Amino acid sequence: NAQQGKLEGGFAFAGSNAYRVDKIISIKELIANLSEEYEKASYNNY
């Protein structure tokens, strides 16, 4: 329901940094982004 904008029948969670969000991505895309950033950070530390 919340995904469809019906907040009275669902839940929407947001933390204190929610204002920083500029897009909503899938979990698959999130994991890919995190993996890429981790690889870059690991490479730069060696």
PDB file of N, CA and C in Angstrom:
ATOM      1  N   ASN A   1       0.800  -1.203   0.000  1.00  0.00           N
ATOM      2  CA  ASN A   1       0.000   0.000   0.000  1.00  0.00           C
ATOM      3  C   ASN A   1       0.847   1.274   0.000  1.00  0.00           C
ATOM      4  N   ALA A   2       1.861   1.316   0.861  1.00  0.00           N
ATOM      5  CA  ALA A   2       2.693   2.516   0.938  1.00  0.00           C
ATOM      6  C   ALA A   2       3.395   2.781  -0.386  1.00  0.00           C
ATOM      7  N   GLN A   3       3.796   1.713  -1.072  1.00  0.00           N
ATOM      8  CA  GLN A   3       4.461   1.865  -2.366  1.00  0.00           C
ATOM      9  C   GLN A   3       3.549   2.563  -3.365  1.00  0.00           C
ATOM     10  N   GLN A   4       2.262   2.375  -3.218  1.00  0.00           N
ATOM     11  CA  GLN A   4       1.290   2.977  -4.126  1.00  0.00           C
ATOM     12  C   GLN A   4       0.787   4.324  -3.612  1.00  0.00           C
ATOM     13  N   GLY A   5       1.401   4.827  -2.548  1.00  0.00           N
ATOM     14  CA  GLY A   5       1.027   6.130  -2.018  1.00  0.00           C
ATOM     15  C   GLY A   5      -0.105   6.099  -1.017  1.00  0.00           C
ATOM     16  N   LYS A   6      -0.565   4.917  -0.631  1.00  0.00           N
ATOM     17  CA  LYS A   6      -1.670   4.768   0.318  1.00  0.00           C
ATOM     18  C   LYS A   6      -1.094   4.591   1.724  1.00  0.00           C
ATOM     19  N   LEU A   7      -0.537   5.647   2.277  1.00  0.00           N
ATOM     20  CA  LEU A   7       0.181   5.569   3.544  1.00  0.00           C
ATOM     21  C   LEU A   7      -0.719   5.245   4.728  1.00  0.00           C
ATOM     22  N   GLU A   8      -1.995   5.547   4.647  1.00  0.00           N
ATOM     23  CA  GLU A   8      -2.876   5.224   5.761  1.00  0.00           C
ATOM     24  C   GLU A   8      -3.078   3.713   5.900  1.00  0.00           C
ATOM     25  N   GLY A   9      -2.804   2.941   4.846  1.00  0.00           N
ATOM     26  CA  GLY A   9      -2.955   1.491   4.890  1.00  0.00           C
ATOM     27  C   GLY A   9      -1.636   0.752   4.851  1.00  0.00           C
ATOM     28  N   GLY A  10      -0.518   1.467   4.997  1.00  0.00           N
ATOM     29  CA  GLY A  10       0.795   0.821   4.909  1.00  0.00           C
ATOM     30  C   GLY A  10       1.810   1.560   5.757  1.00  0.00           C
ATOM     31  N   PHE A  11       3.043   1.212   5.581  1.00  0.00           N
ATOM     32  CA  PHE A  11       4.121   1.816   6.356  1.00  0.00           C
ATOM     33  C   PHE A  11       5.159   2.430   5.429  1.00  0.00           C
ATOM     34  N   ALA A  12       5.737   3.512   5.864  1.00  0.00           N
ATOM     35  CA  ALA A  12       6.866   4.120   5.163  1.00  0.00           C
ATOM     36  C   ALA A  12       7.888   4.494   6.233  1.00  0.00           C
ATOM     37  N   PHE A  13       9.089   3.975   6.111  1.00  0.00           N
ATOM     38  CA  PHE A  13      10.133   4.227   7.090  1.00  0.00           C
ATOM     39  C   PHE A  13      11.162   5.187   6.510  1.00  0.00           C
ATOM     40  N   ALA A  14      11.592   6.137   7.321  1.00  0.00           N
ATOM     41  CA  ALA A  14      12.627   7.075   6.893  1.00  0.00           C
ATOM     42  C   ALA A  14      13.458   7.460   8.110  1.00  0.00           C
ATOM     43  N   GLY A  15      14.759   7.436   7.954  1.00  0.00           N
ATOM     44  CA  GLY A  15      15.658   7.820   9.035  1.00  0.00           C
ATOM     45  C   GLY A  15      15.950   9.309   9.002  1.00  0.00           C
ATOM     46  N   SER A  16      16.868   9.725   9.838  1.00  0.00           N
ATOM     47  CA  SER A  16      17.189  11.147   9.955  1.00  0.00           C
ATOM     48  C   SER A  16      17.870  11.703   8.709  1.00  0.00           C
ATOM     49  N   ASN A  17      18.394  10.838   7.837  1.00  0.00           N
ATOM     50  CA  ASN A  17      19.046  11.287   6.603  1.00  0.00           C
ATOM     51  C   ASN A  17      18.156  11.120   5.372  1.00  0.00           C
ATOM     52  N   ALA A  18      16.877  10.902   5.572  1.00  0.00           N
ATOM     53  CA  ALA A  18      15.962  10.663   4.452  1.00  0.00           C
ATOM     54  C   ALA A  18      15.941  11.830   3.461  1.00  0.00           C
ATOM     55  N   TYR A  19      16.172  13.027   3.935  1.00  0.00           N
ATOM     56  CA  TYR A  19      16.162  14.201   3.055  1.00  0.00           C
ATOM     57  C   TYR A  19      17.261  14.146   1.996  1.00  0.00           C
ATOM     58  N   ARG A  20      18.272  13.300   2.200  1.00  0.00           N
ATOM     59  CA  ARG A  20      19.391  13.202   1.262  1.00  0.00           C
ATOM     60  C   ARG A  20      19.078  12.303   0.069  1.00  0.00           C
ATOM     61  N   VAL A  21      18.002  11.559   0.140  1.00  0.00           N
ATOM     62  CA  VAL A  21      17.649  10.619  -0.922  1.00  0.00           C
ATOM     63  C   VAL A  21      17.214  11.387  -2.162  1.00  0.00           C
ATOM     64  N   ASP A  22      17.808  11.034  -3.305  1.00  0.00           N
ATOM     65  CA  ASP A  22      17.405  11.683  -4.553  1.00  0.00           C
ATOM     66  C   ASP A  22      16.829  10.689  -5.552  1.00  0.00           C
ATOM     67  N   LYS A  23      16.856   9.383  -5.201  1.00  0.00           N
ATOM     68  CA  LYS A  23      16.233   8.373  -6.051  1.00  0.00           C
ATOM     69  C   LYS A  23      16.053   7.092  -5.250  1.00  0.00           C
ATOM     70  N   ILE A  24      15.177   6.235  -5.724  1.00  0.00           N
ATOM     71  CA  ILE A  24      14.950   4.935  -5.107  1.00  0.00           C
ATOM     72  C   ILE A  24      15.437   3.883  -6.085  1.00  0.00           C
ATOM     73  N   ILE A  25      16.315   2.994  -5.611  1.00  0.00           N
ATOM     74  CA  ILE A  25      16.880   1.966  -6.481  1.00  0.00           C
ATOM     75  C   ILE A  25      16.542   0.583  -5.942  1.00  0.00           C
ATOM     76  N   SER A  26      16.684  -0.407  -6.793  1.00  0.00           N
ATOM     77  CA  SER A  26      16.422  -1.786  -6.391  1.00  0.00           C
ATOM     78  C   SER A  26      17.553  -2.294  -5.502  1.00  0.00           C
ATOM     79  N   ILE A  27      17.283  -3.354  -4.767  1.00  0.00           N
ATOM     80  CA  ILE A  27      18.310  -3.973  -3.925  1.00  0.00           C
ATOM     81  C   ILE A  27      19.467  -4.461  -4.791  1.00  0.00           C
ATOM     82  N   LYS A  28      19.147  -5.019  -5.948  1.00  0.00           N
ATOM     83  CA  LYS A  28      20.183  -5.513  -6.868  1.00  0.00           C
ATOM     84  C   LYS A  28      21.132  -4.379  -7.254  1.00  0.00           C
ATOM     85  N   GLU A  29      20.574  -3.231  -7.594  1.00  0.00           N
ATOM     86  CA  GLU A  29      21.393  -2.078  -7.972  1.00  0.00           C
ATOM     87  C   GLU A  29      22.181  -1.552  -6.769  1.00  0.00           C
ATOM     88  N   LEU A  30      21.566  -1.557  -5.595  1.00  0.00           N
ATOM     89  CA  LEU A  30      22.246  -1.114  -4.382  1.00  0.00           C
ATOM     90  C   LEU A  30      23.471  -1.976  -4.092  1.00  0.00           C
ATOM     91  N   ILE A  31      23.306  -3.297  -4.154  1.00  0.00           N
ATOM     92  CA  ILE A  31      24.415  -4.212  -3.888  1.00  0.00           C
ATOM     93  C   ILE A  31      25.515  -4.031  -4.930  1.00  0.00           C
ATOM     94  N   ALA A  32      25.139  -3.846  -6.187  1.00  0.00           N
ATOM     95  CA  ALA A  32      26.129  -3.623  -7.246  1.00  0.00           C
ATOM     96  C   ALA A  32      26.919  -2.341  -6.975  1.00  0.00           C
ATOM     97  N   ASN A  33      26.227  -1.281  -6.581  1.00  0.00           N
ATOM     98  CA  ASN A  33      26.898  -0.008  -6.276  1.00  0.00           C
ATOM     99  C   ASN A  33      27.841  -0.148  -5.087  1.00  0.00           C
ATOM    100  N   LEU A  34      27.368  -0.815  -4.035  1.00  0.00           N
ATOM    101  CA  LEU A  34      28.205  -1.007  -2.853  1.00  0.00           C
ATOM    102  C   LEU A  34      29.435  -1.845  -3.177  1.00  0.00           C
ATOM    103  N   SER A  35      29.255  -2.890  -3.974  1.00  0.00           N
ATOM    104  CA  SER A  35      30.378  -3.750  -4.360  1.00  0.00           C
ATOM    105  C   SER A  35      31.406  -2.966  -5.163  1.00  0.00           C
ATOM    106  N   GLU A  36      30.930  -2.151  -6.087  1.00  0.00           N
ATOM    107  CA  GLU A  36      31.828  -1.338  -6.916  1.00  0.00           C
ATOM    108  C   GLU A  36      32.608  -0.343  -6.058  1.00  0.00           C
ATOM    109  N   GLU A  37      31.913   0.319  -5.139  1.00  0.00           N
ATOM    110  CA  GLU A  37      32.586   1.276  -4.262  1.00  0.00           C
ATOM    111  C   GLU A  37      33.593   0.579  -3.357  1.00  0.00           C
ATOM    112  N   TYR A  38      33.255  -0.611  -2.876  1.00  0.00           N
ATOM    113  CA  TYR A  38      34.170  -1.374  -2.030  1.00  0.00           C
ATOM    114  C   TYR A  38      35.427  -1.747  -2.807  1.00  0.00           C
ATOM    115  N   GLU A  39      35.244  -2.202  -4.040  1.00  0.00           N
ATOM    116  CA  GLU A  39      36.393  -2.573  -4.878  1.00  0.00           C
ATOM    117  C   GLU A  39      37.306  -1.370  -5.105  1.00  0.00           C
ATOM    118  N   LYS A  40      36.721  -0.223  -5.395  1.00  0.00           N
ATOM    119  CA  LYS A  40      37.517   0.993  -5.608  1.00  0.00           C
ATOM    120  C   LYS A  40      38.261   1.387  -4.339  1.00  0.00           C
ATOM    121  N   ALA A  41      37.584   1.323  -3.198  1.00  0.00           N
ATOM    122  CA  ALA A  41      38.218   1.689  -1.928  1.00  0.00           C
ATOM    123  C   ALA A  41      39.324   0.704  -1.577  1.00  0.00           C
ATOM    124  N   SER A  42      39.095  -0.574  -1.813  1.00  0.00           N
ATOM    125  CA  SER A  42      40.102  -1.597  -1.516  1.00  0.00           C
ATOM    126  C   SER A  42      41.321  -1.417  -2.401  1.00  0.00           C
ATOM    127  N   TYR A  43      41.102  -1.122  -3.672  1.00  0.00           N
ATOM    128  CA  TYR A  43      42.196  -0.926  -4.623  1.00  0.00           C
ATOM    129  C   TYR A  43      43.046   0.276  -4.228  1.00  0.00           C
ATOM    130  N   ASN A  44      42.391   1.341  -3.783  1.00  0.00           N
ATOM    131  CA  ASN A  44      43.105   2.567  -3.415  1.00  0.00           C
ATOM    132  C   ASN A  44      43.907   2.419  -2.130  1.00  0.00           C
ATOM    133  N   ASN A  45      43.574   1.445  -1.308  1.00  0.00           N
ATOM    134  CA  ASN A  45      44.280   1.256  -0.038  1.00  0.00           C
ATOM    135  C   ASN A  45      45.493   0.343  -0.170  1.00  0.00           C
ATOM    136  N   TYR A  46      45.744  -0.234  -1.330  1.00  0.00           N
ATOM    137  CA  TYR A  46      46.886  -1.151  -1.507  1.00  0.00           C
ATOM    138  C   TYR A  46      47.843  -0.649  -2.546  1.00  0.00           C
TER     139      TYR A  46
END
